[in-house]
Amino acid sequence: MPTPRCPIIAGNWKMYKTTAEAAQFVEELGRLVQSKQHTRAPEVVLCAPFTALQATRQAVLAQEVDFIVAAQNMESREEGAYTGEVSPRMLEDIEIRWVVLGHSERRQYYNETDATVAEKTKVALLHGMTPIVCVGESLQEREAGQTDAVIERQVNAVWQAVPVSEQSRVVIAYEPVWAIGTGKVCDAAEANRVCGLIRRLLGGAGASVRILYGGSMKPDNVEGLMAQSDIDGGLIGGASLQPASFFSLIQAACVVTV
C-alpha cells in the first residue's frame, strides 16, 4: 500500500503580526497543541512576514513544538541590486526551509507570472527548501469555464522546472482566487475535483505530492474539505491569525486523518 500523505495545516499571516505578536501567537498555540495528543497530527506551518521570521522561529524553539516556519515569498536570484527583495541565501542564513511561492496576491498585485513562479520553485529546491506553490483561477476565469485550463497552465509551468528527483518535495496549494478573503468557499466536491486534476497533471509523483486547499478554509468547513480524497490540508488566511481558530483547524485535521 502507498504511504499515506501526512496532512499540512499552514497559516499564512500575510501582512499581519509584529515580532511580539508572532511570539505570543506561538506561545499560545503551543500550549493548546501540547494539551492534546494525536497519533497522526498534521504538520503545522506558520508563514510569517519577513520581519517576524526569526522571532517566530525562536518562539517555536523555546516552546519545543514541531511547528515549521515558512517565508511568504522569495527572490529567485542569490544577491544583487534588487532593493527590497529577500534571497534564498538570506532565508537559509536564518534557517528558514519552507517558502510560499506564487500566491494569488503576489500574482495580482506584484505582477508575478507563471515563469517567475517556476523559476522561484526551481531555485528554492536547489537550496533545499520546501516550496508551497500556489495555483488558482479568478472569478472571471471560473465563470468563463476556464478553471481547468488555467490550472493546467500554471501547474505545467512549474512542473517543467522541477527535476524528477525533487518532485516529491513540492507542495501545491489550490486557491480559487474568488474564494480568498471573501468568505466564499469552493464546494468541497469541486475543490476535490480540481485538486484531483492537479494530482493527475503531476504524473507519477502525484500520488506522493501533498495538495492543499487555500480558499477560506475555516472551522465550520474544514472537516468536509479534509475528508476529500485529494485534499491534504489547507493554506489558511484569516482563520490562522488567532491561536484558538487555527488550533480548531489543526484539531479537525487530526479527527479526519487519524
Protein backbone atom coordinates (compact mmCIF):
# COMPACT_ATOMS: atom_id res chain seq x y z
CA MET A 1 0.00 0.00 0.00
CA PRO A 2 1.23 3.55 -0.67
CA THR A 3 2.38 5.58 2.33
CA PRO A 4 -0.39 7.96 3.48
CA ARG A 5 0.34 11.61 2.78
CA CYS A 6 0.86 13.49 6.04
CA PRO A 7 -1.60 16.41 6.11
CA ILE A 8 -0.46 20.02 6.40
CA ILE A 9 -2.23 22.90 8.11
CA ALA A 10 -0.40 26.07 7.09
CA GLY A 11 -1.23 29.53 8.42
CA ASN A 12 -0.46 32.41 6.05
CA TRP A 13 -0.31 35.52 8.23
CA LYS A 14 0.14 37.83 5.22
CA MET A 15 0.97 41.42 6.31
CA TYR A 16 -0.01 40.89 9.93
CA LYS A 17 1.91 40.41 13.20
CA THR A 18 4.84 42.24 14.71
CA THR A 19 7.65 40.25 16.27
CA ALA A 20 5.99 40.40 19.68
CA GLU A 21 2.61 39.35 18.28
CA ALA A 22 4.20 36.44 16.43
CA ALA A 23 5.98 35.20 19.55
CA GLN A 24 2.80 35.47 21.61
CA PHE A 25 0.85 33.54 18.96
CA VAL A 26 3.38 30.69 19.02
CA GLU A 27 3.31 30.58 22.81
CA GLU A 28 -0.49 30.38 22.93
CA LEU A 29 -0.79 27.88 20.08
CA GLY A 30 1.99 25.78 21.56
CA ARG A 31 0.12 25.45 24.85
CA LEU A 32 -3.05 24.39 23.02
CA VAL A 33 -1.26 21.80 20.88
CA GLN A 34 0.68 20.37 23.80
CA SER A 35 -2.58 19.86 25.70
CA LYS A 36 -3.70 17.28 23.13
CA GLN A 37 -2.00 14.17 21.83
CA HIS A 38 -2.76 12.60 18.45
CA THR A 39 -1.31 9.60 16.69
CA ARG A 40 -1.31 11.37 13.32
CA ALA A 41 -1.28 15.11 13.79
CA PRO A 42 -0.79 17.28 10.72
CA GLU A 43 2.39 19.20 10.02
CA VAL A 44 1.80 22.77 11.23
CA VAL A 45 3.38 25.55 9.15
CA LEU A 46 3.47 29.21 10.16
CA CYS A 47 4.06 31.56 7.21
CA ALA A 48 5.30 34.72 8.86
CA PRO A 49 6.22 38.11 7.37
CA PHE A 50 9.95 38.62 6.81
CA THR A 51 10.37 40.84 9.88
CA ALA A 52 8.82 38.21 12.17
CA LEU A 53 10.55 35.10 10.81
CA GLN A 54 13.33 35.00 13.39
CA ALA A 55 11.02 35.82 16.30
CA THR A 56 8.61 33.10 15.19
CA ARG A 57 11.38 30.53 14.84
CA GLN A 58 12.88 31.44 18.22
CA ALA A 59 9.47 31.12 19.86
CA VAL A 60 8.99 27.70 18.26
CA LEU A 61 12.35 26.56 19.63
CA ALA A 62 11.55 27.95 23.08
CA GLN A 63 8.17 26.18 23.14
CA GLU A 64 9.72 22.92 21.91
CA VAL A 65 6.91 22.38 19.42
CA ASP A 66 7.22 20.87 15.95
CA PHE A 67 5.95 23.87 14.03
CA ILE A 68 7.57 24.69 10.69
CA VAL A 69 8.31 28.36 9.97
CA ALA A 70 7.97 29.48 6.34
CA ALA A 71 8.58 32.69 4.41
CA GLN A 72 5.75 34.14 2.33
CA ASN A 73 7.88 34.92 -0.70
CA MET A 74 11.44 34.78 -2.02
CA GLU A 75 13.53 36.35 -4.77
CA SER A 76 14.94 33.81 -7.24
CA ARG A 77 18.36 35.47 -7.51
CA GLU A 78 21.14 34.87 -5.00
CA GLU A 79 22.09 38.51 -4.47
CA GLY A 80 22.37 41.80 -6.30
CA ALA A 81 20.90 45.25 -6.75
CA TYR A 82 17.29 44.27 -6.09
CA THR A 83 16.09 46.73 -3.47
CA GLY A 84 13.53 45.34 -1.07
CA GLU A 85 13.95 41.69 -2.05
CA VAL A 86 14.97 38.71 0.12
CA SER A 87 17.13 35.99 -1.41
CA PRO A 88 17.20 32.25 -0.74
CA ARG A 89 20.65 32.68 0.83
CA MET A 90 19.18 35.16 3.32
CA LEU A 91 16.43 32.72 4.27
CA GLU A 92 18.96 29.91 4.63
CA ASP A 93 21.02 32.15 6.90
CA ILE A 94 18.18 32.30 9.44
CA GLU A 95 17.35 28.61 8.91
CA ILE A 96 14.06 29.03 7.08
CA ARG A 97 13.46 25.91 4.98
CA TRP A 98 9.93 26.43 3.65
CA VAL A 99 8.56 29.19 1.42
CA VAL A 100 5.21 30.12 -0.16
CA LEU A 101 5.53 30.92 -3.87
CA GLY A 102 3.08 32.30 -6.43
CA HIS A 103 0.33 33.31 -4.02
CA SER A 104 -2.54 34.91 -5.91
CA GLU A 105 -1.85 38.24 -4.20
CA ARG A 106 1.72 38.14 -5.50
CA ARG A 107 0.44 37.38 -8.98
CA GLN A 108 -2.30 40.03 -8.83
CA TYR A 109 -0.56 42.95 -7.11
CA TYR A 110 3.10 42.37 -7.96
CA ASN A 111 2.83 41.00 -11.48
CA GLU A 112 4.32 37.58 -10.80
CA THR A 113 3.91 35.27 -13.77
CA ASP A 114 3.89 31.52 -14.30
CA ALA A 115 7.51 31.84 -15.45
CA THR A 116 8.71 33.71 -12.36
CA VAL A 117 6.91 31.30 -10.05
CA ALA A 118 8.51 28.36 -11.87
CA GLU A 119 11.97 29.93 -11.55
CA LYS A 120 11.49 30.59 -7.85
CA THR A 121 10.36 27.00 -7.34
CA LYS A 122 13.44 25.65 -9.07
CA VAL A 123 15.75 27.87 -7.00
CA ALA A 124 14.01 27.01 -3.73
CA LEU A 125 14.57 23.32 -4.40
CA LEU A 126 18.22 23.94 -5.28
CA HIS A 127 18.59 25.49 -1.84
CA GLY A 128 16.99 22.52 -0.12
CA MET A 129 13.78 24.38 0.65
CA THR A 130 10.22 23.08 0.52
CA PRO A 131 8.09 25.31 -1.73
CA ILE A 132 4.35 25.68 -1.26
CA VAL A 133 3.37 26.62 -4.82
CA CYS A 134 0.00 28.34 -5.23
CA VAL A 135 -2.26 27.98 -8.26
CA GLY A 136 -5.84 29.05 -8.85
CA GLU A 137 -8.35 30.79 -11.07
CA SER A 138 -10.09 34.16 -10.79
CA LEU A 139 -13.87 34.56 -10.66
CA GLN A 140 -13.86 35.78 -14.26
CA GLU A 141 -11.91 32.71 -15.38
CA ARG A 142 -14.22 30.38 -13.48
CA GLU A 143 -17.37 31.96 -14.88
CA ALA A 144 -15.89 31.66 -18.38
CA GLY A 145 -15.35 27.92 -17.87
CA GLN A 146 -11.57 28.30 -17.91
CA THR A 147 -10.76 26.82 -14.49
CA ASP A 148 -9.17 23.61 -15.77
CA ALA A 149 -7.19 25.38 -18.49
CA VAL A 150 -5.80 27.94 -16.03
CA ILE A 151 -4.82 25.25 -13.52
CA GLU A 152 -3.18 23.15 -16.23
CA ARG A 153 -1.17 26.13 -17.47
CA GLN A 154 0.02 27.15 -14.01
CA VAL A 155 0.88 23.64 -12.85
CA ASN A 156 2.66 22.65 -16.06
CA ALA A 157 4.81 25.80 -15.99
CA VAL A 158 6.11 24.90 -12.55
CA TRP A 159 6.36 21.17 -13.12
CA GLN A 160 8.54 21.58 -16.19
CA ALA A 161 11.08 23.40 -14.00
CA VAL A 162 11.18 20.74 -11.26
CA PRO A 163 13.72 17.90 -11.58
CA VAL A 164 12.13 14.47 -11.26
CA SER A 165 14.29 13.74 -8.23
CA GLU A 166 12.81 16.75 -6.40
CA GLN A 167 9.14 16.40 -7.31
CA SER A 168 8.01 14.72 -4.10
CA ARG A 169 9.28 17.70 -2.06
CA VAL A 170 6.93 20.20 -3.70
CA VAL A 171 3.64 21.13 -2.02
CA ILE A 172 0.84 22.54 -4.20
CA ALA A 173 -1.89 24.81 -2.85
CA TYR A 174 -5.08 25.21 -4.89
CA GLU A 175 -6.52 28.61 -4.03
CA PRO A 176 -9.51 29.74 -6.08
CA VAL A 177 -8.90 33.48 -6.12
CA TRP A 178 -12.59 34.28 -5.86
CA ALA A 179 -12.76 32.47 -2.50
CA ILE A 180 -9.80 34.19 -0.80
CA GLY A 181 -10.79 36.69 1.85
CA THR A 182 -14.35 36.85 0.53
CA GLY A 183 -15.98 34.40 2.92
CA LYS A 184 -16.93 32.27 -0.06
CA VAL A 185 -15.68 28.72 -0.21
CA CYS A 186 -15.45 26.36 -3.11
CA ASP A 187 -17.80 23.41 -2.72
CA ALA A 188 -15.83 20.53 -1.17
CA ALA A 189 -16.57 18.18 -4.06
CA GLU A 190 -15.50 20.79 -6.62
CA ALA A 191 -12.36 21.64 -4.65
CA ASN A 192 -11.53 17.95 -4.60
CA ARG A 193 -12.15 17.67 -8.34
CA VAL A 194 -9.66 20.44 -9.07
CA CYS A 195 -7.13 19.00 -6.63
CA GLY A 196 -7.57 15.66 -8.39
CA LEU A 197 -6.87 17.39 -11.70
CA ILE A 198 -3.67 18.82 -10.23
CA ARG A 199 -2.65 15.38 -9.00
CA ARG A 200 -3.11 13.91 -12.47
CA LEU A 201 -1.07 16.72 -14.02
CA LEU A 202 1.81 15.82 -11.70
CA GLY A 203 2.13 12.41 -13.30
CA GLY A 204 3.87 9.64 -11.38
CA ALA A 205 4.74 11.95 -8.48
CA GLY A 206 1.10 12.85 -7.96
CA ALA A 207 0.48 10.04 -5.51
CA SER A 208 3.02 11.43 -3.04
CA VAL A 209 2.73 15.21 -3.54
CA ARG A 210 0.60 16.95 -0.94
CA ILE A 211 -2.10 19.26 -2.29
CA LEU A 212 -3.69 21.87 -0.04
CA TYR A 213 -6.89 23.85 -0.37
CA GLY A 214 -6.44 27.58 0.10
CA GLY A 215 -9.74 29.40 -0.21
CA SER A 216 -11.40 30.48 3.07
CA MET A 217 -10.92 27.21 4.93
CA LYS A 218 -12.50 27.79 8.35
CA PRO A 219 -13.50 25.78 11.44
CA ASP A 220 -17.03 25.30 10.07
CA ASN A 221 -15.96 23.78 6.74
CA VAL A 222 -12.57 22.19 7.43
CA GLU A 223 -13.86 18.68 8.15
CA GLY A 224 -15.78 18.48 4.88
CA LEU A 225 -12.77 19.67 2.91
CA MET A 226 -10.27 17.47 4.75
CA ALA A 227 -12.48 14.41 4.20
CA GLN A 228 -11.92 14.69 0.43
CA SER A 229 -9.57 12.16 -1.10
CA ASP A 230 -7.29 14.63 -2.91
CA ILE A 231 -7.14 17.42 -0.30
CA ASP A 232 -4.21 17.01 2.07
CA GLY A 233 -4.64 20.10 4.19
CA GLY A 234 -5.09 23.84 3.97
CA LEU A 235 -3.28 27.10 3.36
CA ILE A 236 -5.20 29.26 5.82
CA GLY A 237 -5.50 33.04 5.77
CA GLY A 238 -7.84 34.86 8.15
CA ALA A 239 -8.57 31.85 10.35
CA SER A 240 -4.85 31.46 11.07
CA LEU A 241 -4.47 34.83 12.79
CA GLN A 242 -5.91 33.76 16.15
CA PRO A 243 -4.48 30.75 18.03
CA ALA A 244 -7.91 29.39 19.00
CA SER A 245 -9.37 29.35 15.50
CA PHE A 246 -6.16 27.99 13.99
CA PHE A 247 -5.99 25.28 16.64
CA SER A 248 -9.55 24.21 15.80
CA LEU A 249 -8.39 23.60 12.20
CA ILE A 250 -5.47 21.52 13.45
CA GLN A 251 -7.87 19.55 15.66
CA ALA A 252 -10.26 18.94 12.77
CA ALA A 253 -7.41 17.69 10.59
CA CYS A 254 -6.45 15.25 13.35
CA VAL A 255 -10.00 13.94 13.60
CA VAL A 256 -10.27 13.37 9.87
CA THR A 257 -6.85 11.83 9.33
CA VAL A 258 -6.18 9.71 12.44
